[in-house]
Amino acid sequence: MKSFLSILLTLCCFTVAAQTIQDETLKTQLLKDWMRAKNYTREYLDAMPADHYTFRPTDSVRTFGQQMLHLAFANVACAMIATGYHDSAVLLVLLNPNIERSPKAGNKDSVTRYVNMSYDYMMTAIRNFDFSKLNEIVKQHTAGGDRSEMRFAWLMKGFEHQTHTRGQCAVYLRLSGILPPTEKLF
C-alpha cells in the first residue's frame, strides 16, 4: 500500500509539472504573438501620415484614428475580462467610452501612445495571469449582449478583434494611396 501511495503521489507531481510546462509554453506563445501584433500594428500607425488620422472612407465609419482607438479599447477590455488584471491608470484612459470621439486622443501621437499602451496592458495581463485558470467561465455584459466564455476564449477573441480591426485599417491606407505593411505571420 505504501508503494502504491508513493507511485500515486509521484504521478500527481508529474501531472502538475507537465501542466505547468504546458501553461508556460502557452503563455510564452501568447506573449510572442501579442508582441508581433503590437509591432505589426505600429507599422500601420507609422505608415499613415499624421494629417490622415481623421480620414474616413465614408460618413458611416470611424476615422483611421478612431479605428485604432477602438482596437486599443477592445485590447484592454478583453485583457481585463480574460485575466482580471487591473491597472487603474490604463483603465481610466482606455476604457473611457468617449475616447474615440475625443479630438485630443485622435491625433497620431496620442493614438500611437494609446495603442501601444493597450498592447502593453494585454501582455502584462497575460504575464501576470495564472494559466491554471484558463478554463474558468467569465460572464460579461458586452455591446452584443451577455456573454459567458472561458478566460482563454476572451484572450483569443481579443486577438481576433485586433487582427480584424487592423485589417480594416488596410483599406484606409489604400484609399490614402499607401500600401499597407506586409503581413507578419512570424
Foldseek 3Di string as FASTA:
>chain_A
DVVVVVVVVVVVVVVVVVVVVVLVVVLVVLLVVLVLLLVQLVLLLVQDDQVQLQPDPDPVDAGVLLLLLVLLLLLLVLLCQLAVDDDPVLCVQSVPPCLSVDPVCRTSVNSNVSSSVSSVNSSVSSVPGDSVQQQPWGWDQDPVGIDIDGSVVSSVVSVVSSVVSSVVSCVSQVVVVHHRDDDDPD
